[in-house]
Amino acid sequence: MFTPVHARSPPSLPRRFRLGGVRIAAALARSVPWLPWRYTAADYRAAVTAVAEAPKLRGPAAATPWDPALAVALDECGVRIEEEMVLDDLLTDIGPRSAWSASPQW
């Protein structure tokens, strides 16, 4: 999922702290300019602290060229954090909470 930052800015890539998502982000960075959105070691460590239970990461380590400290944090903490687990943080970044929590008007 990409989120436009500005019409003339590169898209931002939200966090998906699992090894497959990290590999996709690294591959994408080789051919498309993008901005990490809450996709740093500090963001990951904050999410790990905030989430009560998270599944273990599986697979070999992955490089994180946009923030080398993230690869270290992933290895040390060893848990997978999905967007859904930190959804409130992400929604707070993109707009008023009330717009996202309102019931659909079908």
PDB file of N, CA and C in Angstrom:
ATOM      1  N   MET A   1       0.844  -1.171   0.000  1.00  0.00           N
ATOM      2  CA  MET A   1       0.000   0.000   0.000  1.00  0.00           C
ATOM      3  C   MET A   1       0.887   1.230   0.000  1.00  0.00           C
ATOM      4  N   PHE A   2       0.644   2.133  -0.920  1.00  0.00           N
ATOM      5  CA  PHE A   2       1.369   3.383  -0.978  1.00  0.00           C
ATOM      6  C   PHE A   2       0.425   4.512  -0.610  1.00  0.00           C
ATOM      7  N   THR A   3       0.965   5.521   0.000  1.00  0.00           N
ATOM      8  CA  THR A   3       0.175   6.680   0.363  1.00  0.00           C
ATOM      9  C   THR A   3       0.858   7.904  -0.211  1.00  0.00           C
ATOM     10  N   PRO A   4       0.142   8.681  -1.038  1.00  0.00           N
ATOM     11  CA  PRO A   4       0.783   9.870  -1.580  1.00  0.00           C
ATOM     12  C   PRO A   4       1.050  10.879  -0.472  1.00  0.00           C
ATOM     13  N   VAL A   5       2.252  11.423  -0.450  1.00  0.00           N
ATOM     14  CA  VAL A   5       2.600  12.434   0.534  1.00  0.00           C
ATOM     15  C   VAL A   5       2.184  13.791   0.011  1.00  0.00           C
ATOM     16  N   HIS A   6       2.401  14.026  -1.249  1.00  0.00           N
ATOM     17  CA  HIS A   6       2.089  15.282  -1.903  1.00  0.00           C
ATOM     18  C   HIS A   6       2.100  14.964  -3.390  1.00  0.00           C
ATOM     19  N   ALA A   7       1.428  15.732  -4.172  1.00  0.00           N
ATOM     20  CA  ALA A   7       1.336  15.435  -5.604  1.00  0.00           C
ATOM     21  C   ALA A   7       2.713  15.315  -6.260  1.00  0.00           C
ATOM     22  N   ARG A   8       3.703  16.062  -5.766  1.00  0.00           N
ATOM     23  CA  ARG A   8       5.034  16.007  -6.368  1.00  0.00           C
ATOM     24  C   ARG A   8       6.029  15.258  -5.497  1.00  0.00           C
ATOM     25  N   SER A   9       5.571  14.618  -4.469  1.00  0.00           N
ATOM     26  CA  SER A   9       6.460  13.871  -3.578  1.00  0.00           C
ATOM     27  C   SER A   9       6.417  12.399  -3.915  1.00  0.00           C
ATOM     28  N   PRO A  10       7.477  11.669  -3.561  1.00  0.00           N
ATOM     29  CA  PRO A  10       7.428  10.219  -3.750  1.00  0.00           C
ATOM     30  C   PRO A  10       6.381   9.609  -2.824  1.00  0.00           C
ATOM     31  N   PRO A  11       5.810   8.483  -3.191  1.00  0.00           N
ATOM     32  CA  PRO A  11       4.846   7.845  -2.299  1.00  0.00           C
ATOM     33  C   PRO A  11       5.530   7.373  -1.018  1.00  0.00           C
ATOM     34  N   SER A  12       4.736   7.244   0.025  1.00  0.00           N
ATOM     35  CA  SER A  12       5.287   6.713   1.265  1.00  0.00           C
ATOM     36  C   SER A  12       4.824   5.280   1.435  1.00  0.00           C
ATOM     37  N   LEU A  13       5.633   4.489   2.061  1.00  0.00           N
ATOM     38  CA  LEU A  13       5.349   3.077   2.267  1.00  0.00           C
ATOM     39  C   LEU A  13       5.123   2.861   3.753  1.00  0.00           C
ATOM     40  N   PRO A  14       3.900   2.475   4.149  1.00  0.00           N
ATOM     41  CA  PRO A  14       3.664   2.289   5.574  1.00  0.00           C
ATOM     42  C   PRO A  14       4.335   1.028   6.099  1.00  0.00           C
ATOM     43  N   ARG A  15       4.454   0.989   7.382  1.00  0.00           N
ATOM     44  CA  ARG A  15       5.168  -0.124   8.001  1.00  0.00           C
ATOM     45  C   ARG A  15       4.426  -1.442   7.882  1.00  0.00           C
ATOM     46  N   ARG A  16       5.154  -2.418   7.600  1.00  0.00           N
ATOM     47  CA  ARG A  16       4.706  -3.798   7.639  1.00  0.00           C
ATOM     48  C   ARG A  16       5.926  -4.554   8.107  1.00  0.00           C
ATOM     49  N   PHE A  17       6.057  -4.643   9.421  1.00  0.00           N
ATOM     50  CA  PHE A  17       7.263  -5.193  10.015  1.00  0.00           C
ATOM     51  C   PHE A  17       7.225  -6.711  10.014  1.00  0.00           C
ATOM     52  N   ARG A  18       7.426  -7.253   8.845  1.00  0.00           N
ATOM     53  CA  ARG A  18       7.640  -8.684   8.684  1.00  0.00           C
ATOM     54  C   ARG A  18       8.667  -8.825   7.582  1.00  0.00           C
ATOM     55  N   LEU A  19       9.345  -9.930   7.548  1.00  0.00           N
ATOM     56  CA  LEU A  19      10.495 -10.045   6.657  1.00  0.00           C
ATOM     57  C   LEU A  19      10.125  -9.938   5.183  1.00  0.00           C
ATOM     58  N   GLY A  20       8.989 -10.488   4.789  1.00  0.00           N
ATOM     59  CA  GLY A  20       8.566 -10.367   3.389  1.00  0.00           C
ATOM     60  C   GLY A  20       8.309  -8.920   3.013  1.00  0.00           C
ATOM     61  N   GLY A  21       7.647  -8.177   3.894  1.00  0.00           N
ATOM     62  CA  GLY A  21       7.379  -6.763   3.636  1.00  0.00           C
ATOM     63  C   GLY A  21       8.653  -5.942   3.568  1.00  0.00           C
ATOM     64  N   VAL A  22       9.606  -6.272   4.418  1.00  0.00           N
ATOM     65  CA  VAL A  22      10.901  -5.582   4.412  1.00  0.00           C
ATOM     66  C   VAL A  22      11.628  -5.851   3.100  1.00  0.00           C
ATOM     67  N   ARG A  23      11.585  -7.087   2.632  1.00  0.00           N
ATOM     68  CA  ARG A  23      12.244  -7.416   1.357  1.00  0.00           C
ATOM     69  C   ARG A  23      11.576  -6.686   0.188  1.00  0.00           C
ATOM     70  N   ILE A  24      10.258  -6.598   0.214  1.00  0.00           N
ATOM     71  CA  ILE A  24       9.536  -5.869  -0.835  1.00  0.00           C
ATOM     72  C   ILE A  24       9.950  -4.404  -0.822  1.00  0.00           C
ATOM     73  N   ALA A  25       9.998  -3.806   0.368  1.00  0.00           N
ATOM     74  CA  ALA A  25      10.389  -2.394   0.482  1.00  0.00           C
ATOM     75  C   ALA A  25      11.803  -2.180  -0.038  1.00  0.00           C
ATOM     76  N   ALA A  26      12.723  -3.067   0.290  1.00  0.00           N
ATOM     77  CA  ALA A  26      14.107  -2.935  -0.173  1.00  0.00           C
ATOM     78  C   ALA A  26      14.181  -3.068  -1.697  1.00  0.00           C
ATOM     79  N   ALA A  27      13.445  -4.014  -2.260  1.00  0.00           N
ATOM     80  CA  ALA A  27      13.434  -4.191  -3.719  1.00  0.00           C
ATOM     81  C   ALA A  27      12.817  -2.975  -4.399  1.00  0.00           C
ATOM     82  N   LEU A  28      11.754  -2.466  -3.836  1.00  0.00           N
ATOM     83  CA  LEU A  28      11.083  -1.301  -4.389  1.00  0.00           C
ATOM     84  C   LEU A  28      12.000  -0.082  -4.368  1.00  0.00           C
ATOM     85  N   ALA A  29      12.765   0.065  -3.301  1.00  0.00           N
ATOM     86  CA  ALA A  29      13.673   1.208  -3.164  1.00  0.00           C
ATOM     87  C   ALA A  29      14.741   1.230  -4.252  1.00  0.00           C
ATOM     88  N   ARG A  30      15.026   0.080  -4.830  1.00  0.00           N
ATOM     89  CA  ARG A  30      16.027   0.033  -5.904  1.00  0.00           C
ATOM     90  C   ARG A  30      15.505   0.617  -7.214  1.00  0.00           C
ATOM     91  N   SER A  31      14.182   0.724  -7.368  1.00  0.00           N
ATOM     92  CA  SER A  31      13.667   1.212  -8.648  1.00  0.00           C
ATOM     93  C   SER A  31      12.642   2.339  -8.542  1.00  0.00           C
ATOM     94  N   VAL A  32      12.090   2.586  -7.358  1.00  0.00           N
ATOM     95  CA  VAL A  32      11.070   3.620  -7.196  1.00  0.00           C
ATOM     96  C   VAL A  32      11.398   4.451  -5.956  1.00  0.00           C
ATOM     97  N   PRO A  33      11.421   5.774  -6.088  1.00  0.00           N
ATOM     98  CA  PRO A  33      11.655   6.569  -4.879  1.00  0.00           C
ATOM     99  C   PRO A  33      10.428   6.503  -3.964  1.00  0.00           C
ATOM    100  N   TRP A  34      10.661   6.270  -2.701  1.00  0.00           N
ATOM    101  CA  TRP A  34       9.568   6.236  -1.726  1.00  0.00           C
ATOM    102  C   TRP A  34      10.092   6.734  -0.391  1.00  0.00           C
ATOM    103  N   LEU A  35       9.181   7.119   0.468  1.00  0.00           N
ATOM    104  CA  LEU A  35       9.530   7.606   1.796  1.00  0.00           C
ATOM    105  C   LEU A  35       9.056   6.598   2.833  1.00  0.00           C
ATOM    106  N   PRO A  36       9.892   6.252   3.791  1.00  0.00           N
ATOM    107  CA  PRO A  36       9.412   5.350   4.851  1.00  0.00           C
ATOM    108  C   PRO A  36       8.432   6.095   5.756  1.00  0.00           C
ATOM    109  N   TRP A  37       7.279   5.501   5.962  1.00  0.00           N
ATOM    110  CA  TRP A  37       6.261   6.091   6.830  1.00  0.00           C
ATOM    111  C   TRP A  37       6.162   5.199   8.057  1.00  0.00           C
ATOM    112  N   ARG A  38       6.678   5.699   9.181  1.00  0.00           N
ATOM    113  CA  ARG A  38       6.708   4.920  10.417  1.00  0.00           C
ATOM    114  C   ARG A  38       7.348   3.550  10.159  1.00  0.00           C
ATOM    115  N   TYR A  39       8.467   3.574   9.471  1.00  0.00           N
ATOM    116  CA  TYR A  39       9.124   2.339   9.038  1.00  0.00           C
ATOM    117  C   TYR A  39      10.594   2.376   9.429  1.00  0.00           C
ATOM    118  N   THR A  40      10.847   2.693  10.709  1.00  0.00           N
ATOM    119  CA  THR A  40      12.207   2.795  11.227  1.00  0.00           C
ATOM    120  C   THR A  40      12.357   1.883  12.442  1.00  0.00           C
ATOM    121  N   ALA A  41      13.583   1.751  12.904  1.00  0.00           N
ATOM    122  CA  ALA A  41      13.829   0.942  14.105  1.00  0.00           C
ATOM    123  C   ALA A  41      13.053   1.493  15.296  1.00  0.00           C
ATOM    124  N   ALA A  42      13.019   2.812  15.439  1.00  0.00           N
ATOM    125  CA  ALA A  42      12.283   3.417  16.560  1.00  0.00           C
ATOM    126  C   ALA A  42      10.795   3.097  16.477  1.00  0.00           C
ATOM    127  N   ASP A  43      10.231   3.156  15.266  1.00  0.00           N
ATOM    128  CA  ASP A  43       8.811   2.830  15.080  1.00  0.00           C
ATOM    129  C   ASP A  43       8.539   1.364  15.409  1.00  0.00           C
ATOM    130  N   TYR A  44       9.426   0.497  14.955  1.00  0.00           N
ATOM    131  CA  TYR A  44       9.260  -0.936  15.210  1.00  0.00           C
ATOM    132  C   TYR A  44       9.330  -1.224  16.701  1.00  0.00           C
ATOM    133  N   ARG A  45      10.325  -0.684  17.375  1.00  0.00           N
ATOM    134  CA  ARG A  45      10.469  -0.934  18.812  1.00  0.00           C
ATOM    135  C   ARG A  45       9.272  -0.392  19.591  1.00  0.00           C
ATOM    136  N   ALA A  46       8.747   0.748  19.182  1.00  0.00           N
ATOM    137  CA  ALA A  46       7.551   1.303  19.838  1.00  0.00           C
ATOM    138  C   ALA A  46       6.351   0.381  19.635  1.00  0.00           C
ATOM    139  N   ALA A  47       6.209  -0.158  18.421  1.00  0.00           N
ATOM    140  CA  ALA A  47       5.092  -1.063  18.134  1.00  0.00           C
ATOM    141  C   ALA A  47       5.218  -2.357  18.930  1.00  0.00           C
ATOM    142  N   VAL A  48       6.418  -2.887  19.023  1.00  0.00           N
ATOM    143  CA  VAL A  48       6.646  -4.124  19.783  1.00  0.00           C
ATOM    144  C   VAL A  48       6.242  -3.910  21.242  1.00  0.00           C
ATOM    145  N   THR A  49       6.579  -2.758  21.783  1.00  0.00           N
ATOM    146  CA  THR A  49       6.235  -2.436  23.172  1.00  0.00           C
ATOM    147  C   THR A  49       4.727  -2.279  23.349  1.00  0.00           C
ATOM    148  N   ALA A  50       4.059  -1.714  22.353  1.00  0.00           N
ATOM    149  CA  ALA A  50       2.635  -1.418  22.463  1.00  0.00           C
ATOM    150  C   ALA A  50       1.732  -2.628  22.225  1.00  0.00           C
ATOM    151  N   VAL A  51       2.197  -3.606  21.477  1.00  0.00           N
ATOM    152  CA  VAL A  51       1.376  -4.761  21.110  1.00  0.00           C
ATOM    153  C   VAL A  51       1.582  -5.870  22.144  1.00  0.00           C
ATOM    154  N   ALA A  52       0.460  -6.339  22.683  1.00  0.00           N
ATOM    155  CA  ALA A  52       0.539  -7.364  23.736  1.00  0.00           C
ATOM    156  C   ALA A  52       1.139  -8.675  23.228  1.00  0.00           C
ATOM    157  N   GLU A  53       0.646  -9.160  22.119  1.00  0.00           N
ATOM    158  CA  GLU A  53       1.144 -10.419  21.560  1.00  0.00           C
ATOM    159  C   GLU A  53       1.324 -10.250  20.059  1.00  0.00           C
ATOM    160  N   ALA A  54       2.406 -10.763  19.566  1.00  0.00           N
ATOM    161  CA  ALA A  54       2.670 -10.700  18.128  1.00  0.00           C
ATOM    162  C   ALA A  54       3.337 -12.001  17.709  1.00  0.00           C
ATOM    163  N   PRO A  55       3.029 -12.464  16.494  1.00  0.00           N
ATOM    164  CA  PRO A  55       3.666 -13.696  16.018  1.00  0.00           C
ATOM    165  C   PRO A  55       5.159 -13.490  15.789  1.00  0.00           C
ATOM    166  N   LYS A  56       5.888 -14.565  15.849  1.00  0.00           N
ATOM    167  CA  LYS A  56       7.334 -14.543  15.616  1.00  0.00           C
ATOM    168  C   LYS A  56       7.628 -14.297  14.139  1.00  0.00           C
ATOM    169  N   LEU A  57       8.723 -13.611  13.874  1.00  0.00           N
ATOM    170  CA  LEU A  57       9.211 -13.482  12.501  1.00  0.00           C
ATOM    171  C   LEU A  57       9.711 -14.839  12.038  1.00  0.00           C
ATOM    172  N   ARG A  58       9.515 -15.147  10.760  1.00  0.00           N
ATOM    173  CA  ARG A  58      10.013 -16.404  10.212  1.00  0.00           C
ATOM    174  C   ARG A  58      10.858 -16.112   8.989  1.00  0.00           C
ATOM    175  N   GLY A  59      11.928 -16.845   8.846  1.00  0.00           N
ATOM    176  CA  GLY A  59      12.774 -16.709   7.673  1.00  0.00           C
ATOM    177  C   GLY A  59      14.081 -16.022   7.986  1.00  0.00           C
ATOM    178  N   PRO A  60      14.947 -15.978   6.975  1.00  0.00           N
ATOM    179  CA  PRO A  60      16.253 -15.350   7.162  1.00  0.00           C
ATOM    180  C   PRO A  60      16.125 -13.830   7.311  1.00  0.00           C
ATOM    181  N   ALA A  61      17.107 -13.234   7.941  1.00  0.00           N
ATOM    182  CA  ALA A  61      17.120 -11.783   8.149  1.00  0.00           C
ATOM    183  C   ALA A  61      17.044 -11.054   6.814  1.00  0.00           C
ATOM    184  N   ALA A  62      16.548  -9.835   6.876  1.00  0.00           N
ATOM    185  CA  ALA A  62      16.420  -9.016   5.676  1.00  0.00           C
ATOM    186  C   ALA A  62      17.092  -7.669   5.911  1.00  0.00           C
ATOM    187  N   ALA A  63      17.748  -7.150   4.870  1.00  0.00           N
ATOM    188  CA  ALA A  63      18.395  -5.844   4.959  1.00  0.00           C
ATOM    189  C   ALA A  63      17.350  -4.729   4.901  1.00  0.00           C
ATOM    190  N   THR A  64      17.642  -3.621   5.579  1.00  0.00           N
ATOM    191  CA  THR A  64      16.773  -2.453   5.565  1.00  0.00           C
ATOM    192  C   THR A  64      17.631  -1.224   5.231  1.00  0.00           C
ATOM    193  N   PRO A  65      17.921  -1.020   3.944  1.00  0.00           N
ATOM    194  CA  PRO A  65      18.837   0.052   3.555  1.00  0.00           C
ATOM    195  C   PRO A  65      18.374   1.456   3.954  1.00  0.00           C
ATOM    196  N   TRP A  66      17.081   1.702   4.085  1.00  0.00           N
ATOM    197  CA  TRP A  66      16.581   3.018   4.482  1.00  0.00           C
ATOM    198  C   TRP A  66      16.838   3.293   5.963  1.00  0.00           C
ATOM    199  N   ASP A  67      17.033   2.236   6.769  1.00  0.00           N
ATOM    200  CA  ASP A  67      17.337   2.380   8.199  1.00  0.00           C
ATOM    201  C   ASP A  67      18.016   1.088   8.667  1.00  0.00           C
ATOM    202  N   PRO A  68      19.335   1.015   8.557  1.00  0.00           N
ATOM    203  CA  PRO A  68      20.036  -0.213   8.941  1.00  0.00           C
ATOM    204  C   PRO A  68      19.749  -0.667  10.375  1.00  0.00           C
ATOM    205  N   ALA A  69      19.433   0.250  11.265  1.00  0.00           N
ATOM    206  CA  ALA A  69      19.111  -0.122  12.648  1.00  0.00           C
ATOM    207  C   ALA A  69      17.817  -0.931  12.727  1.00  0.00           C
ATOM    208  N   LEU A  70      16.951  -0.802  11.722  1.00  0.00           N
ATOM    209  CA  LEU A  70      15.713  -1.589  11.715  1.00  0.00           C
ATOM    210  C   LEU A  70      16.018  -3.071  11.582  1.00  0.00           C
ATOM    211  N   ALA A  71      16.960  -3.451  10.740  1.00  0.00           N
ATOM    212  CA  ALA A  71      17.324  -4.868  10.590  1.00  0.00           C
ATOM    213  C   ALA A  71      17.817  -5.427  11.919  1.00  0.00           C
ATOM    214  N   VAL A  72      18.582  -4.637  12.643  1.00  0.00           N
ATOM    215  CA  VAL A  72      19.082  -5.053  13.960  1.00  0.00           C
ATOM    216  C   VAL A  72      17.910  -5.226  14.929  1.00  0.00           C
ATOM    217  N   ALA A  73      16.988  -4.272  14.943  1.00  0.00           N
ATOM    218  CA  ALA A  73      15.828  -4.348  15.841  1.00  0.00           C
ATOM    219  C   ALA A  73      14.945  -5.552  15.514  1.00  0.00           C
ATOM    220  N   LEU A  74      14.738  -5.814  14.228  1.00  0.00           N
ATOM    221  CA  LEU A  74      13.942  -6.981  13.828  1.00  0.00           C
ATOM    222  C   LEU A  74      14.585  -8.266  14.343  1.00  0.00           C
ATOM    223  N   ASP A  75      15.903  -8.342  14.222  1.00  0.00           N
ATOM    224  CA  ASP A  75      16.618  -9.520  14.687  1.00  0.00           C
ATOM    225  C   ASP A  75      16.540  -9.647  16.212  1.00  0.00           C
ATOM    226  N   GLU A  76      16.689  -8.557  16.921  1.00  0.00           N
ATOM    227  CA  GLU A  76      16.663  -8.588  18.381  1.00  0.00           C
ATOM    228  C   GLU A  76      15.282  -8.902  18.949  1.00  0.00           C
ATOM    229  N   CYS A  77      14.259  -8.245  18.406  1.00  0.00           N
ATOM    230  CA  CYS A  77      12.897  -8.430  18.948  1.00  0.00           C
ATOM    231  C   CYS A  77      12.216  -9.666  18.379  1.00  0.00           C
ATOM    232  N   GLY A  78      12.402  -9.897  17.086  1.00  0.00           N
ATOM    233  CA  GLY A  78      11.929 -11.119  16.451  1.00  0.00           C
ATOM    234  C   GLY A  78      10.432 -11.328  16.370  1.00  0.00           C
ATOM    235  N   VAL A  79       9.648 -10.232  16.353  1.00  0.00           N
ATOM    236  CA  VAL A  79       8.201 -10.393  16.197  1.00  0.00           C
ATOM    237  C   VAL A  79       7.713  -9.621  14.978  1.00  0.00           C
ATOM    238  N   ARG A  80       6.615 -10.103  14.432  1.00  0.00           N
ATOM    239  CA  ARG A  80       6.000  -9.507  13.245  1.00  0.00           C
ATOM    240  C   ARG A  80       4.935  -8.508  13.689  1.00  0.00           C
ATOM    241  N   ILE A  81       4.963  -7.323  13.129  1.00  0.00           N
ATOM    242  CA  ILE A  81       3.970  -6.292  13.421  1.00  0.00           C
ATOM    243  C   ILE A  81       3.275  -5.935  12.109  1.00  0.00           C
ATOM    244  N   GLU A  82       1.976  -6.148  12.061  1.00  0.00           N
ATOM    245  CA  GLU A  82       1.180  -5.816  10.882  1.00  0.00           C
ATOM    246  C   GLU A  82       0.531  -4.446  11.078  1.00  0.00           C
ATOM    247  N   GLU A  83       0.141  -3.805   9.966  1.00  0.00           N
ATOM    248  CA  GLU A  83      -0.495  -2.497  10.048  1.00  0.00           C
ATOM    249  C   GLU A  83      -1.716  -2.506  10.966  1.00  0.00           C
ATOM    250  N   GLU A  84      -2.478  -3.584  10.893  1.00  0.00           N
ATOM    251  CA  GLU A  84      -3.713  -3.667  11.678  1.00  0.00           C
ATOM    252  C   GLU A  84      -3.450  -3.579  13.184  1.00  0.00           C
ATOM    253  N   MET A  85      -2.265  -4.004  13.604  1.00  0.00           N
ATOM    254  CA  MET A  85      -1.938  -4.015  15.022  1.00  0.00           C
ATOM    255  C   MET A  85      -1.670  -2.601  15.556  1.00  0.00           C
ATOM    256  N   VAL A  86      -1.333  -1.692  14.677  1.00  0.00           N
ATOM    257  CA  VAL A  86      -1.021  -0.320  15.064  1.00  0.00           C
ATOM    258  C   VAL A  86      -1.857   0.671  14.243  1.00  0.00           C
ATOM    259  N   LEU A  87      -3.047   0.238  13.890  1.00  0.00           N
ATOM    260  CA  LEU A  87      -3.913   1.010  13.010  1.00  0.00           C
ATOM    261  C   LEU A  87      -4.228   2.398  13.556  1.00  0.00           C
ATOM    262  N   ASP A  88      -4.465   2.519  14.839  1.00  0.00           N
ATOM    263  CA  ASP A  88      -4.782   3.833  15.399  1.00  0.00           C
ATOM    264  C   ASP A  88      -3.671   4.844  15.134  1.00  0.00           C
ATOM    265  N   ASP A  89      -2.416   4.419  15.261  1.00  0.00           N
ATOM    266  CA  ASP A  89      -1.288   5.315  14.975  1.00  0.00           C
ATOM    267  C   ASP A  89      -1.300   5.767  13.523  1.00  0.00           C
ATOM    268  N   LEU A  90      -1.528   4.826  12.619  1.00  0.00           N
ATOM    269  CA  LEU A  90      -1.518   5.142  11.195  1.00  0.00           C
ATOM    270  C   LEU A  90      -2.658   6.080  10.838  1.00  0.00           C
ATOM    271  N   LEU A  91      -3.840   5.816  11.363  1.00  0.00           N
ATOM    272  CA  LEU A  91      -4.990   6.669  11.068  1.00  0.00           C
ATOM    273  C   LEU A  91      -4.815   8.062  11.648  1.00  0.00           C
ATOM    274  N   THR A  92      -4.194   8.155  12.797  1.00  0.00           N
ATOM    275  CA  THR A  92      -3.922   9.461  13.389  1.00  0.00           C
ATOM    276  C   THR A  92      -3.037  10.288  12.461  1.00  0.00           C
ATOM    277  N   ASP A  93      -2.098   9.648  11.803  1.00  0.00           N
ATOM    278  CA  ASP A  93      -1.202  10.353  10.886  1.00  0.00           C
ATOM    279  C   ASP A  93      -1.923  10.915   9.663  1.00  0.00           C
ATOM    280  N   ILE A  94      -2.952  10.235   9.183  1.00  0.00           N
ATOM    281  CA  ILE A  94      -3.555  10.640   7.911  1.00  0.00           C
ATOM    282  C   ILE A  94      -4.830  11.455   8.039  1.00  0.00           C
ATOM    283  N   GLY A  95      -5.374  11.612   9.218  1.00  0.00           N
ATOM    284  CA  GLY A  95      -6.556  12.439   9.328  1.00  0.00           C
ATOM    285  C   GLY A  95      -7.277  12.293  10.640  1.00  0.00           C
ATOM    286  N   PRO A  96      -8.362  13.042  10.770  1.00  0.00           N
ATOM    287  CA  PRO A  96      -9.136  12.996  12.015  1.00  0.00           C
ATOM    288  C   PRO A  96      -9.684  11.598  12.298  1.00  0.00           C
ATOM    289  N   ARG A  97      -9.565  11.186  13.522  1.00  0.00           N
ATOM    290  CA  ARG A  97     -10.058   9.866  13.949  1.00  0.00           C
ATOM    291  C   ARG A  97     -11.540   9.702  13.643  1.00  0.00           C
ATOM    292  N   SER A  98     -12.317  10.750  13.818  1.00  0.00           N
ATOM    293  CA  SER A  98     -13.758  10.639  13.624  1.00  0.00           C
ATOM    294  C   SER A  98     -14.124  10.244  12.192  1.00  0.00           C
ATOM    295  N   ALA A  99     -13.317  10.652  11.230  1.00  0.00           N
ATOM    296  CA  ALA A  99     -13.603  10.302   9.842  1.00  0.00           C
ATOM    297  C   ALA A  99     -13.440   8.816   9.592  1.00  0.00           C
ATOM    298  N   TRP A 100     -12.564   8.135  10.355  1.00  0.00           N
ATOM    299  CA  TRP A 100     -12.302   6.723  10.157  1.00  0.00           C
ATOM    300  C   TRP A 100     -13.160   5.835  11.056  1.00  0.00           C
ATOM    301  N   SER A 101     -13.631   6.375  12.163  1.00  0.00           N
ATOM    302  CA  SER A 101     -14.384   5.543  13.075  1.00  0.00           C
ATOM    303  C   SER A 101     -15.884   5.608  12.852  1.00  0.00           C
ATOM    304  N   ALA A 102     -16.329   6.502  11.968  1.00  0.00           N
ATOM    305  CA  ALA A 102     -17.759   6.625  11.688  1.00  0.00           C
ATOM    306  C   ALA A 102     -18.281   5.371  11.008  1.00  0.00           C
ATOM    307  N   SER A 103     -19.505   5.007  11.313  1.00  0.00           N
ATOM    308  CA  SER A 103     -20.126   3.838  10.666  1.00  0.00           C
ATOM    309  C   SER A 103     -20.416   4.161   9.212  1.00  0.00           C
ATOM    310  N   PRO A 104     -20.262   3.158   8.342  1.00  0.00           N
ATOM    311  CA  PRO A 104     -20.593   3.396   6.934  1.00  0.00           C
ATOM    312  C   PRO A 104     -22.074   3.688   6.791  1.00  0.00           C
ATOM    313  N   GLN A 105     -22.387   4.562   5.863  1.00  0.00           N
ATOM    314  CA  GLN A 105     -23.786   4.947   5.612  1.00  0.00           C
ATOM    315  C   GLN A 105     -24.243   4.285   4.315  1.00  0.00           C
ATOM    316  N   TRP A 106     -24.536   3.020   4.348  1.00  0.00           N
ATOM    317  CA  TRP A 106     -24.947   2.313   3.124  1.00  0.00           C
ATOM    318  C   TRP A 106     -26.361   2.668   2.797  1.00  0.00           C
TER     319      TRP A 106
END
